Structures are given as C-alpha cells and as structure tokens.
Amino acid sequence: MPTLSTTVEVSPVSVNIKPLEDKIVVQASEAETTTASGLVIPDTAKEKPQEGKVIAVGPGRIDDKGNRVPVDVAVGDVVIYSKYGGTEVKYNGEEYLILSARDVLAVIN
C-alpha cells in the first residue's frame, strides 16, 4: 500500500468571526497528498483533513456552578480534531471549521 505525505499550508489570517462558549474556529490544512512514488491523489479520493490552525477561540463554557471553564487551545495552535466534528463555513471566500473544544484531540507542538 502506498504511503501518503501531508503538508500543512496555512497562511496567517485575521478573521472577524467570534466563536461563542467553548467553540473554536479552525482553518483546515491544505492536504496535498501524494504517494511515495510521487503520484498525486485526486481531490475525489482525498480524505477530509483532520489538522488545522486555530484562528479564533471562544471564552469557554459555563459549568454547573456558573464558573467559566476556559478553552485548552489558543489562537495560533495547530490542532488535530475528530474526523467528522464541527461545521464547515465559508466566510470572505475562505473555508473554516467551527468546532467544539471537545472535538480537539491534540495540539501539535
């Protein structure tokens, strides 16, 4: 089975989207996938990206006692999120993903 390589290409962006509660806005990575032999995989065969850069972060959710629980990620973090999590939105010609902080699986250092 051929191996795949994925490149994360995300340009710095200033977005006027302000997420609510524990939501975050992520710009998904451009998944340019090629096989080890250099063959480019067509868009129809590519898997949905699961990695992206955090563009905006909400203030956090309110717990049962009325205290605000902050979100564990910050603007600029590169995160891995669940495959089918979030809602895709298009704003000013760019595509973003609005996720619950619970859909974030890991932060890449």
PDB file of N, CA and C in Angstrom:
ATOM      1  N   MET A   1       0.848  -1.173   0.000  1.00  0.00           N
ATOM      2  CA  MET A   1       0.000   0.000   0.000  1.00  0.00           C
ATOM      3  C   MET A   1       0.893   1.234   0.000  1.00  0.00           C
ATOM      4  N   PRO A   2       0.611   2.262  -0.842  1.00  0.00           N
ATOM      5  CA  PRO A   2       1.453   3.443  -0.894  1.00  0.00           C
ATOM      6  C   PRO A   2       1.316   4.281   0.372  1.00  0.00           C
ATOM      7  N   THR A   3       2.407   4.955   0.719  1.00  0.00           N
ATOM      8  CA  THR A   3       2.371   5.846   1.875  1.00  0.00           C
ATOM      9  C   THR A   3       2.003   7.250   1.418  1.00  0.00           C
ATOM     10  N   LEU A   4       1.412   8.023   2.296  1.00  0.00           N
ATOM     11  CA  LEU A   4       0.972   9.371   1.964  1.00  0.00           C
ATOM     12  C   LEU A   4       1.764  10.374   2.773  1.00  0.00           C
ATOM     13  N   SER A   5       2.005  11.537   2.167  1.00  0.00           N
ATOM     14  CA  SER A   5       2.613  12.635   2.913  1.00  0.00           C
ATOM     15  C   SER A   5       1.642  13.806   2.882  1.00  0.00           C
ATOM     16  N   THR A   6       1.517  14.488   3.999  1.00  0.00           N
ATOM     17  CA  THR A   6       0.595  15.608   4.103  1.00  0.00           C
ATOM     18  C   THR A   6       1.374  16.855   4.483  1.00  0.00           C
ATOM     19  N   THR A   7       1.107  17.950   3.793  1.00  0.00           N
ATOM     20  CA  THR A   7       1.766  19.213   4.075  1.00  0.00           C
ATOM     21  C   THR A   7       0.735  20.183   4.628  1.00  0.00           C
ATOM     22  N   VAL A   8       1.079  20.849   5.738  1.00  0.00           N
ATOM     23  CA  VAL A   8       0.178  21.838   6.313  1.00  0.00           C
ATOM     24  C   VAL A   8       0.585  23.201   5.784  1.00  0.00           C
ATOM     25  N   GLU A   9      -0.271  23.813   4.968  1.00  0.00           N
ATOM     26  CA  GLU A   9      -0.026  25.134   4.413  1.00  0.00           C
ATOM     27  C   GLU A   9      -1.163  26.036   4.860  1.00  0.00           C
ATOM     28  N   VAL A  10      -0.910  26.872   5.865  1.00  0.00           N
ATOM     29  CA  VAL A  10      -1.941  27.774   6.361  1.00  0.00           C
ATOM     30  C   VAL A  10      -1.330  29.160   6.446  1.00  0.00           C
ATOM     31  N   SER A  11      -1.940  30.112   5.744  1.00  0.00           N
ATOM     32  CA  SER A  11      -1.433  31.475   5.778  1.00  0.00           C
ATOM     33  C   SER A  11      -1.998  32.200   6.987  1.00  0.00           C
ATOM     34  N   PRO A  12      -1.259  33.204   7.508  1.00  0.00           N
ATOM     35  CA  PRO A  12      -1.773  33.963   8.649  1.00  0.00           C
ATOM     36  C   PRO A  12      -3.037  34.704   8.256  1.00  0.00           C
ATOM     37  N   VAL A  13      -4.040  34.627   9.095  1.00  0.00           N
ATOM     38  CA  VAL A  13      -5.339  35.191   8.768  1.00  0.00           C
ATOM     39  C   VAL A  13      -5.880  35.971   9.950  1.00  0.00           C
ATOM     40  N   SER A  14      -6.524  37.083   9.645  1.00  0.00           N
ATOM     41  CA  SER A  14      -7.248  37.824  10.665  1.00  0.00           C
ATOM     42  C   SER A  14      -8.723  37.697  10.316  1.00  0.00           C
ATOM     43  N   VAL A  15      -9.488  37.073  11.205  1.00  0.00           N
ATOM     44  CA  VAL A  15     -10.879  36.773  10.919  1.00  0.00           C
ATOM     45  C   VAL A  15     -11.778  37.521  11.890  1.00  0.00           C
ATOM     46  N   ASN A  16     -12.884  38.015  11.384  1.00  0.00           N
ATOM     47  CA  ASN A  16     -13.850  38.722  12.224  1.00  0.00           C
ATOM     48  C   ASN A  16     -14.942  37.781  12.712  1.00  0.00           C
ATOM     49  N   ILE A  17     -14.614  36.525  12.911  1.00  0.00           N
ATOM     50  CA  ILE A  17     -15.564  35.552  13.442  1.00  0.00           C
ATOM     51  C   ILE A  17     -15.254  35.380  14.919  1.00  0.00           C
ATOM     52  N   LYS A  18     -16.252  35.616  15.768  1.00  0.00           N
ATOM     53  CA  LYS A  18     -16.058  35.469  17.213  1.00  0.00           C
ATOM     54  C   LYS A  18     -16.875  34.272  17.686  1.00  0.00           C
ATOM     55  N   PRO A  19     -16.215  33.144  17.972  1.00  0.00           N
ATOM     56  CA  PRO A  19     -16.954  31.961  18.422  1.00  0.00           C
ATOM     57  C   PRO A  19     -17.519  32.157  19.826  1.00  0.00           C
ATOM     58  N   LEU A  20     -18.607  31.485  20.094  1.00  0.00           N
ATOM     59  CA  LEU A  20     -19.262  31.554  21.398  1.00  0.00           C
ATOM     60  C   LEU A  20     -18.887  30.353  22.252  1.00  0.00           C
ATOM     61  N   GLU A  21     -19.027  30.509  23.554  1.00  0.00           N
ATOM     62  CA  GLU A  21     -18.783  29.460  24.542  1.00  0.00           C
ATOM     63  C   GLU A  21     -17.470  28.722  24.293  1.00  0.00           C
ATOM     64  N   ASP A  22     -17.518  27.384  24.177  1.00  0.00           N
ATOM     65  CA  ASP A  22     -16.283  26.608  24.017  1.00  0.00           C
ATOM     66  C   ASP A  22     -16.007  26.255  22.560  1.00  0.00           C
ATOM     67  N   LYS A  23     -16.460  27.094  21.656  1.00  0.00           N
ATOM     68  CA  LYS A  23     -16.238  26.849  20.222  1.00  0.00           C
ATOM     69  C   LYS A  23     -14.916  27.479  19.789  1.00  0.00           C
ATOM     70  N   ILE A  24     -14.301  26.885  18.752  1.00  0.00           N
ATOM     71  CA  ILE A  24     -13.096  27.442  18.156  1.00  0.00           C
ATOM     72  C   ILE A  24     -13.260  27.460  16.642  1.00  0.00           C
ATOM     73  N   VAL A  25     -12.571  28.392  15.995  1.00  0.00           N
ATOM     74  CA  VAL A  25     -12.570  28.476  14.538  1.00  0.00           C
ATOM     75  C   VAL A  25     -11.206  27.980  14.068  1.00  0.00           C
ATOM     76  N   VAL A  26     -11.229  27.009  13.152  1.00  0.00           N
ATOM     77  CA  VAL A  26     -10.008  26.392  12.641  1.00  0.00           C
ATOM     78  C   VAL A  26      -9.961  26.563  11.135  1.00  0.00           C
ATOM     79  N   GLN A  27      -8.784  26.916  10.623  1.00  0.00           N
ATOM     80  CA  GLN A  27      -8.571  26.894   9.180  1.00  0.00           C
ATOM     81  C   GLN A  27      -7.893  25.569   8.879  1.00  0.00           C
ATOM     82  N   ALA A  28      -8.617  24.695   8.198  1.00  0.00           N
ATOM     83  CA  ALA A  28      -8.109  23.348   7.925  1.00  0.00           C
ATOM     84  C   ALA A  28      -6.891  23.422   7.025  1.00  0.00           C
ATOM     85  N   SER A  29      -5.976  22.498   7.246  1.00  0.00           N
ATOM     86  CA  SER A  29      -4.762  22.437   6.438  1.00  0.00           C
ATOM     87  C   SER A  29      -5.115  22.009   5.021  1.00  0.00           C
ATOM     88  N   GLU A  30      -4.323  22.474   4.095  1.00  0.00           N
ATOM     89  CA  GLU A  30      -4.458  22.031   2.712  1.00  0.00           C
ATOM     90  C   GLU A  30      -3.784  20.672   2.633  1.00  0.00           C
ATOM     91  N   ALA A  31      -4.553  19.660   2.418  1.00  0.00           N
ATOM     92  CA  ALA A  31      -3.998  18.307   2.392  1.00  0.00           C
ATOM     93  C   ALA A  31      -3.537  17.961   0.988  1.00  0.00           C
ATOM     94  N   GLU A  32      -2.303  18.324   0.683  1.00  0.00           N
ATOM     95  CA  GLU A  32      -1.725  17.929  -0.593  1.00  0.00           C
ATOM     96  C   GLU A  32      -1.136  16.555  -0.387  1.00  0.00           C
ATOM     97  N   THR A  33      -1.787  15.559  -0.915  1.00  0.00           N
ATOM     98  CA  THR A  33      -1.336  14.188  -0.691  1.00  0.00           C
ATOM     99  C   THR A  33      -0.771  13.608  -1.967  1.00  0.00           C
ATOM    100  N   THR A  34       0.359  12.984  -1.804  1.00  0.00           N
ATOM    101  CA  THR A  34       0.993  12.272  -2.909  1.00  0.00           C
ATOM    102  C   THR A  34       1.467  10.932  -2.375  1.00  0.00           C
ATOM    103  N   THR A  35       1.583   9.998  -3.261  1.00  0.00           N
ATOM    104  CA  THR A  35       2.110   8.695  -2.867  1.00  0.00           C
ATOM    105  C   THR A  35       3.629   8.794  -2.765  1.00  0.00           C
ATOM    106  N   ALA A  36       4.247   7.785  -2.215  1.00  0.00           N
ATOM    107  CA  ALA A  36       5.712   7.764  -2.073  1.00  0.00           C
ATOM    108  C   ALA A  36       6.394   7.841  -3.434  1.00  0.00           C
ATOM    109  N   SER A  37       5.734   7.341  -4.465  1.00  0.00           N
ATOM    110  CA  SER A  37       6.317   7.374  -5.804  1.00  0.00           C
ATOM    111  C   SER A  37       6.045   8.690  -6.532  1.00  0.00           C
ATOM    112  N   GLY A  38       5.328   9.621  -5.876  1.00  0.00           N
ATOM    113  CA  GLY A  38       5.109  10.931  -6.482  1.00  0.00           C
ATOM    114  C   GLY A  38       3.782  11.106  -7.196  1.00  0.00           C
ATOM    115  N   LEU A  39       2.937  10.101  -7.180  1.00  0.00           N
ATOM    116  CA  LEU A  39       1.633  10.229  -7.825  1.00  0.00           C
ATOM    117  C   LEU A  39       0.721  11.106  -6.976  1.00  0.00           C
ATOM    118  N   VAL A  40       0.041  12.044  -7.623  1.00  0.00           N
ATOM    119  CA  VAL A  40      -0.875  12.932  -6.908  1.00  0.00           C
ATOM    120  C   VAL A  40      -2.240  12.255  -6.822  1.00  0.00           C
ATOM    121  N   ILE A  41      -2.799  12.256  -5.619  1.00  0.00           N
ATOM    122  CA  ILE A  41      -4.114  11.650  -5.408  1.00  0.00           C
ATOM    123  C   ILE A  41      -5.170  12.698  -5.741  1.00  0.00           C
ATOM    124  N   PRO A  42      -6.161  12.387  -6.589  1.00  0.00           N
ATOM    125  CA  PRO A  42      -7.177  13.377  -6.966  1.00  0.00           C
ATOM    126  C   PRO A  42      -8.049  13.791  -5.785  1.00  0.00           C
ATOM    127  N   ASP A  43      -8.647  14.986  -5.900  1.00  0.00           N
ATOM    128  CA  ASP A  43      -9.483  15.528  -4.821  1.00  0.00           C
ATOM    129  C   ASP A  43     -10.585  14.569  -4.401  1.00  0.00           C
ATOM    130  N   THR A  44     -11.147  13.855  -5.344  1.00  0.00           N
ATOM    131  CA  THR A  44     -12.259  12.952  -5.026  1.00  0.00           C
ATOM    132  C   THR A  44     -11.829  11.784  -4.152  1.00  0.00           C
ATOM    133  N   ALA A  45     -10.528  11.476  -4.127  1.00  0.00           N
ATOM    134  CA  ALA A  45     -10.040  10.344  -3.342  1.00  0.00           C
ATOM    135  C   ALA A  45      -9.389  10.789  -2.037  1.00  0.00           C
ATOM    136  N   LYS A  46      -9.218  12.102  -1.848  1.00  0.00           N
ATOM    137  CA  LYS A  46      -8.568  12.597  -0.629  1.00  0.00           C
ATOM    138  C   LYS A  46      -9.504  12.492   0.556  1.00  0.00           C
ATOM    139  N   GLU A  47      -8.911  12.224   1.709  1.00  0.00           N
ATOM    140  CA  GLU A  47      -9.698  12.192   2.942  1.00  0.00           C
ATOM    141  C   GLU A  47      -9.832  13.603   3.491  1.00  0.00           C
ATOM    142  N   LYS A  48     -10.880  13.825   4.257  1.00  0.00           N
ATOM    143  CA  LYS A  48     -11.112  15.109   4.898  1.00  0.00           C
ATOM    144  C   LYS A  48      -9.961  15.399   5.862  1.00  0.00           C
ATOM    145  N   PRO A  49      -9.382  16.623   5.801  1.00  0.00           N
ATOM    146  CA  PRO A  49      -8.272  16.932   6.722  1.00  0.00           C
ATOM    147  C   PRO A  49      -8.718  16.877   8.178  1.00  0.00           C
ATOM    148  N   GLN A  50      -7.807  16.497   9.042  1.00  0.00           N
ATOM    149  CA  GLN A  50      -8.085  16.439  10.471  1.00  0.00           C
ATOM    150  C   GLN A  50      -7.120  17.324  11.237  1.00  0.00           C
ATOM    151  N   GLU A  51      -6.476  18.236  10.533  1.00  0.00           N
ATOM    152  CA  GLU A  51      -5.465  19.084  11.139  1.00  0.00           C
ATOM    153  C   GLU A  51      -5.660  20.507  10.642  1.00  0.00           C
ATOM    154  N   GLY A  52      -5.448  21.475  11.526  1.00  0.00           N
ATOM    155  CA  GLY A  52      -5.582  22.854  11.103  1.00  0.00           C
ATOM    156  C   GLY A  52      -5.082  23.814  12.164  1.00  0.00           C
ATOM    157  N   LYS A  53      -5.086  25.098  11.796  1.00  0.00           N
ATOM    158  CA  LYS A  53      -4.600  26.150  12.682  1.00  0.00           C
ATOM    159  C   LYS A  53      -5.777  26.869  13.323  1.00  0.00           C
ATOM    160  N   VAL A  54      -5.698  27.085  14.641  1.00  0.00           N
ATOM    161  CA  VAL A  54      -6.758  27.782  15.369  1.00  0.00           C
ATOM    162  C   VAL A  54      -6.685  29.263  15.027  1.00  0.00           C
ATOM    163  N   ILE A  55      -7.802  29.809  14.539  1.00  0.00           N
ATOM    164  CA  ILE A  55      -7.882  31.204  14.115  1.00  0.00           C
ATOM    165  C   ILE A  55      -8.567  32.062  15.180  1.00  0.00           C
ATOM    166  N   ALA A  56      -9.545  31.498  15.884  1.00  0.00           N
ATOM    167  CA  ALA A  56     -10.273  32.228  16.929  1.00  0.00           C
ATOM    168  C   ALA A  56     -10.752  31.244  17.986  1.00  0.00           C
ATOM    169  N   VAL A  57     -10.855  31.737  19.238  1.00  0.00           N
ATOM    170  CA  VAL A  57     -11.259  30.897  20.364  1.00  0.00           C
ATOM    171  C   VAL A  57     -12.343  31.611  21.160  1.00  0.00           C
ATOM    172  N   GLY A  58     -13.389  30.873  21.517  1.00  0.00           N
ATOM    173  CA  GLY A  58     -14.444  31.430  22.364  1.00  0.00           C
ATOM    174  C   GLY A  58     -13.973  31.574  23.800  1.00  0.00           C
ATOM    175  N   PRO A  59     -14.774  32.242  24.646  1.00  0.00           N
ATOM    176  CA  PRO A  59     -14.380  32.496  26.035  1.00  0.00           C
ATOM    177  C   PRO A  59     -14.424  31.264  26.931  1.00  0.00           C
ATOM    178  N   GLY A  60     -15.061  30.200  26.502  1.00  0.00           N
ATOM    179  CA  GLY A  60     -15.191  28.998  27.322  1.00  0.00           C
ATOM    180  C   GLY A  60     -16.634  28.784  27.735  1.00  0.00           C
ATOM    181  N   ARG A  61     -16.918  27.581  28.208  1.00  0.00           N
ATOM    182  CA  ARG A  61     -18.290  27.258  28.602  1.00  0.00           C
ATOM    183  C   ARG A  61     -18.510  27.597  30.071  1.00  0.00           C
ATOM    184  N   ILE A  62     -19.773  27.657  30.461  1.00  0.00           N
ATOM    185  CA  ILE A  62     -20.142  27.895  31.852  1.00  0.00           C
ATOM    186  C   ILE A  62     -20.475  26.541  32.485  1.00  0.00           C
ATOM    187  N   ASP A  63     -19.845  26.218  33.624  1.00  0.00           N
ATOM    188  CA  ASP A  63     -20.124  24.936  34.280  1.00  0.00           C
ATOM    189  C   ASP A  63     -21.397  25.019  35.123  1.00  0.00           C
ATOM    190  N   ASP A  64     -21.727  23.949  35.820  1.00  0.00           N
ATOM    191  CA  ASP A  64     -22.957  23.858  36.613  1.00  0.00           C
ATOM    192  C   ASP A  64     -23.015  24.881  37.747  1.00  0.00           C
ATOM    193  N   LYS A  65     -21.860  25.328  38.201  1.00  0.00           N
ATOM    194  CA  LYS A  65     -21.807  26.287  39.305  1.00  0.00           C
ATOM    195  C   LYS A  65     -21.724  27.737  38.835  1.00  0.00           C
ATOM    196  N   GLY A  66     -21.791  27.938  37.528  1.00  0.00           N
ATOM    197  CA  GLY A  66     -21.750  29.294  36.987  1.00  0.00           C
ATOM    198  C   GLY A  66     -20.354  29.829  36.731  1.00  0.00           C
ATOM    199  N   ASN A  67     -19.340  28.985  36.855  1.00  0.00           N
ATOM    200  CA  ASN A  67     -17.960  29.410  36.601  1.00  0.00           C
ATOM    201  C   ASN A  67     -17.597  29.164  35.142  1.00  0.00           C
ATOM    202  N   ARG A  68     -16.820  30.079  34.569  1.00  0.00           N
ATOM    203  CA  ARG A  68     -16.388  29.907  33.187  1.00  0.00           C
ATOM    204  C   ARG A  68     -15.190  28.962  33.139  1.00  0.00           C
ATOM    205  N   VAL A  69     -15.281  27.946  32.289  1.00  0.00           N
ATOM    206  CA  VAL A  69     -14.203  26.978  32.094  1.00  0.00           C
ATOM    207  C   VAL A  69     -13.493  27.363  30.795  1.00  0.00           C
ATOM    208  N   PRO A  70     -12.239  27.817  30.877  1.00  0.00           N
ATOM    209  CA  PRO A  70     -11.547  28.275  29.668  1.00  0.00           C
ATOM    210  C   PRO A  70     -11.249  27.129  28.704  1.00  0.00           C
ATOM    211  N   VAL A  71     -11.047  27.488  27.443  1.00  0.00           N
ATOM    212  CA  VAL A  71     -10.723  26.526  26.394  1.00  0.00           C
ATOM    213  C   VAL A  71      -9.231  26.197  26.479  1.00  0.00           C
ATOM    214  N   ASP A  72      -8.866  24.949  26.195  1.00  0.00           N
ATOM    215  CA  ASP A  72      -7.484  24.482  26.332  1.00  0.00           C
ATOM    216  C   ASP A  72      -6.569  24.856  25.176  1.00  0.00           C
ATOM    217  N   VAL A  73      -7.097  25.442  24.115  1.00  0.00           N
ATOM    218  CA  VAL A  73      -6.269  25.814  22.965  1.00  0.00           C
ATOM    219  C   VAL A  73      -6.242  27.334  22.830  1.00  0.00           C
ATOM    220  N   ALA A  74      -5.243  27.822  22.097  1.00  0.00           N
ATOM    221  CA  ALA A  74      -5.094  29.260  21.896  1.00  0.00           C
ATOM    222  C   ALA A  74      -4.972  29.557  20.405  1.00  0.00           C
ATOM    223  N   VAL A  75      -5.202  30.804  20.041  1.00  0.00           N
ATOM    224  CA  VAL A  75      -5.053  31.228  18.657  1.00  0.00           C
ATOM    225  C   VAL A  75      -3.616  30.953  18.228  1.00  0.00           C
ATOM    226  N   GLY A  76      -3.471  30.348  17.052  1.00  0.00           N
ATOM    227  CA  GLY A  76      -2.150  30.015  16.526  1.00  0.00           C
ATOM    228  C   GLY A  76      -1.749  28.571  16.727  1.00  0.00           C
ATOM    229  N   ASP A  77      -2.422  27.859  17.642  1.00  0.00           N
ATOM    230  CA  ASP A  77      -2.123  26.440  17.846  1.00  0.00           C
ATOM    231  C   ASP A  77      -2.500  25.635  16.610  1.00  0.00           C
ATOM    232  N   VAL A  78      -1.711  24.622  16.310  1.00  0.00           N
ATOM    233  CA  VAL A  78      -2.058  23.660  15.261  1.00  0.00           C
ATOM    234  C   VAL A  78      -2.637  22.454  15.978  1.00  0.00           C
ATOM    235  N   VAL A  79      -3.863  22.078  15.609  1.00  0.00           N
ATOM    236  CA  VAL A  79      -4.579  21.025  16.327  1.00  0.00           C
ATOM    237  C   VAL A  79      -4.974  19.878  15.409  1.00  0.00           C
ATOM    238  N   ILE A  80      -5.180  18.731  16.032  1.00  0.00           N
ATOM    239  CA  ILE A  80      -5.770  17.570  15.366  1.00  0.00           C
ATOM    240  C   ILE A  80      -7.163  17.421  15.955  1.00  0.00           C
ATOM    241  N   TYR A  81      -8.162  17.297  15.100  1.00  0.00           N
ATOM    242  CA  TYR A  81      -9.543  17.221  15.569  1.00  0.00           C
ATOM    243  C   TYR A  81     -10.236  15.994  15.002  1.00  0.00           C
ATOM    244  N   SER A  82     -11.365  15.641  15.603  1.00  0.00           N
ATOM    245  CA  SER A  82     -12.079  14.439  15.168  1.00  0.00           C
ATOM    246  C   SER A  82     -12.548  14.593  13.723  1.00  0.00           C
ATOM    247  N   LYS A  83     -12.538  13.486  13.040  1.00  0.00           N
ATOM    248  CA  LYS A  83     -12.753  13.454  11.590  1.00  0.00           C
ATOM    249  C   LYS A  83     -14.067  14.092  11.152  1.00  0.00           C
ATOM    250  N   TYR A  84     -15.123  13.847  11.867  1.00  0.00           N
ATOM    251  CA  TYR A  84     -16.425  14.352  11.438  1.00  0.00           C
ATOM    252  C   TYR A  84     -16.956  15.441  12.356  1.00  0.00           C
ATOM    253  N   GLY A  85     -16.088  16.034  13.164  1.00  0.00           N
ATOM    254  CA  GLY A  85     -16.510  17.084  14.090  1.00  0.00           C
ATOM    255  C   GLY A  85     -16.648  18.425  13.398  1.00  0.00           C
ATOM    256  N   GLY A  86     -17.446  19.286  13.982  1.00  0.00           N
ATOM    257  CA  GLY A  86     -17.531  20.671  13.542  1.00  0.00           C
ATOM    258  C   GLY A  86     -18.482  20.936  12.397  1.00  0.00           C
ATOM    259  N   THR A  87     -18.569  22.228  12.081  1.00  0.00           N
ATOM    260  CA  THR A  87     -19.418  22.708  10.995  1.00  0.00           C
ATOM    261  C   THR A  87     -18.566  23.521  10.037  1.00  0.00           C
ATOM    262  N   GLU A  88     -18.607  23.177   8.768  1.00  0.00           N
ATOM    263  CA  GLU A  88     -17.844  23.917   7.772  1.00  0.00           C
ATOM    264  C   GLU A  88     -18.600  25.182   7.404  1.00  0.00           C
ATOM    265  N   VAL A  89     -17.879  26.314   7.377  1.00  0.00           N
ATOM    266  CA  VAL A  89     -18.470  27.593   6.985  1.00  0.00           C
ATOM    267  C   VAL A  89     -17.541  28.276   5.987  1.00  0.00           C
ATOM    268  N   LYS A  90     -18.129  29.093   5.124  1.00  0.00           N
ATOM    269  CA  LYS A  90     -17.366  29.872   4.174  1.00  0.00           C
ATOM    270  C   LYS A  90     -17.571  31.335   4.525  1.00  0.00           C
ATOM    271  N   TYR A  91     -16.462  32.082   4.716  1.00  0.00           N
ATOM    272  CA  TYR A  91     -16.530  33.491   5.097  1.00  0.00           C
ATOM    273  C   TYR A  91     -15.467  34.251   4.310  1.00  0.00           C
ATOM    274  N   ASN A  92     -15.880  35.283   3.602  1.00  0.00           N
ATOM    275  CA  ASN A  92     -14.968  36.092   2.769  1.00  0.00           C
ATOM    276  C   ASN A  92     -14.144  35.231   1.816  1.00  0.00           C
ATOM    277  N   GLY A  93     -14.762  34.237   1.226  1.00  0.00           N
ATOM    278  CA  GLY A  93     -14.093  33.396   0.251  1.00  0.00           C
ATOM    279  C   GLY A  93     -13.178  32.326   0.832  1.00  0.00           C
ATOM    280  N   GLU A  94     -13.047  32.269   2.150  1.00  0.00           N
ATOM    281  CA  GLU A  94     -12.208  31.262   2.806  1.00  0.00           C
ATOM    282  C   GLU A  94     -13.098  30.249   3.509  1.00  0.00           C
ATOM    283  N   GLU A  95     -12.614  29.014   3.601  1.00  0.00           N
ATOM    284  CA  GLU A  95     -13.362  27.974   4.299  1.00  0.00           C
ATOM    285  C   GLU A  95     -12.772  27.761   5.686  1.00  0.00           C
ATOM    286  N   TYR A  96     -13.664  27.690   6.676  1.00  0.00           N
ATOM    287  CA  TYR A  96     -13.278  27.484   8.061  1.00  0.00           C
ATOM    288  C   TYR A  96     -14.112  26.359   8.646  1.00  0.00           C
ATOM    289  N   LEU A  97     -13.680  25.881   9.790  1.00  0.00           N
ATOM    290  CA  LEU A  97     -14.396  24.845  10.512  1.00  0.00           C
ATOM    291  C   LEU A  97     -14.632  25.367  11.917  1.00  0.00           C
ATOM    292  N   ILE A  98     -15.883  25.360  12.361  1.00  0.00           N
ATOM    293  CA  ILE A  98     -16.196  25.757  13.732  1.00  0.00           C
ATOM    294  C   ILE A  98     -16.414  24.478  14.529  1.00  0.00           C
ATOM    295  N   LEU A  99     -15.547  24.288  15.517  1.00  0.00           N
ATOM    296  CA  LEU A  99     -15.537  23.065  16.323  1.00  0.00           C
ATOM    297  C   LEU A  99     -15.838  23.374  17.775  1.00  0.00           C
ATOM    298  N   SER A 100     -16.368  22.394  18.458  1.00  0.00           N
ATOM    299  CA  SER A 100     -16.424  22.446  19.914  1.00  0.00           C
ATOM    300  C   SER A 100     -15.023  22.082  20.407  1.00  0.00           C
ATOM    301  N   ALA A 101     -14.595  22.682  21.503  1.00  0.00           N
ATOM    302  CA  ALA A 101     -13.274  22.363  22.052  1.00  0.00           C
ATOM    303  C   ALA A 101     -13.165  20.871  22.365  1.00  0.00           C
ATOM    304  N   ARG A 102     -14.274  20.231  22.602  1.00  0.00           N
ATOM    305  CA  ARG A 102     -14.273  18.784  22.901  1.00  0.00           C
ATOM    306  C   ARG A 102     -13.909  17.938  21.682  1.00  0.00           C
ATOM    307  N   ASP A 103     -14.039  18.525  20.471  1.00  0.00           N
ATOM    308  CA  ASP A 103     -13.674  17.804  19.254  1.00  0.00           C
ATOM    309  C   ASP A 103     -12.175  17.833  18.981  1.00  0.00           C
ATOM    310  N   VAL A 104     -11.430  18.662  19.719  1.00  0.00           N
ATOM    311  CA  VAL A 104      -9.982  18.728  19.539  1.00  0.00           C
ATOM    312  C   VAL A 104      -9.353  17.552  20.277  1.00  0.00           C
ATOM    313  N   LEU A 105      -8.560  16.787  19.543  1.00  0.00           N
ATOM    314  CA  LEU A 105      -7.941  15.592  20.111  1.00  0.00           C
ATOM    315  C   LEU A 105      -6.541  15.864  20.635  1.00  0.00           C
ATOM    316  N   ALA A 106      -5.800  16.781  19.982  1.00  0.00           N
ATOM    317  CA  ALA A 106      -4.421  17.051  20.390  1.00  0.00           C
ATOM    318  C   ALA A 106      -3.958  18.380  19.816  1.00  0.00           C
ATOM    319  N   VAL A 107      -2.936  18.949  20.470  1.00  0.00           N
ATOM    320  CA  VAL A 107      -2.261  20.148  19.980  1.00  0.00           C
ATOM    321  C   VAL A 107      -0.878  19.718  19.523  1.00  0.00           C
ATOM    322  N   ILE A 108      -0.471  20.150  18.333  1.00  0.00           N
ATOM    323  CA  ILE A 108       0.847  19.798  17.805  1.00  0.00           C
ATOM    324  C   ILE A 108       1.830  20.888  18.201  1.00  0.00           C
ATOM    325  N   ASN A 109       2.925  20.489  18.823  1.00  0.00           N
ATOM    326  CA  ASN A 109       3.961  21.454  19.233  1.00  0.00           C
ATOM    327  C   ASN A 109       4.950  21.674  18.123  1.00  0.00           C
TER     328      ASN A 109
END
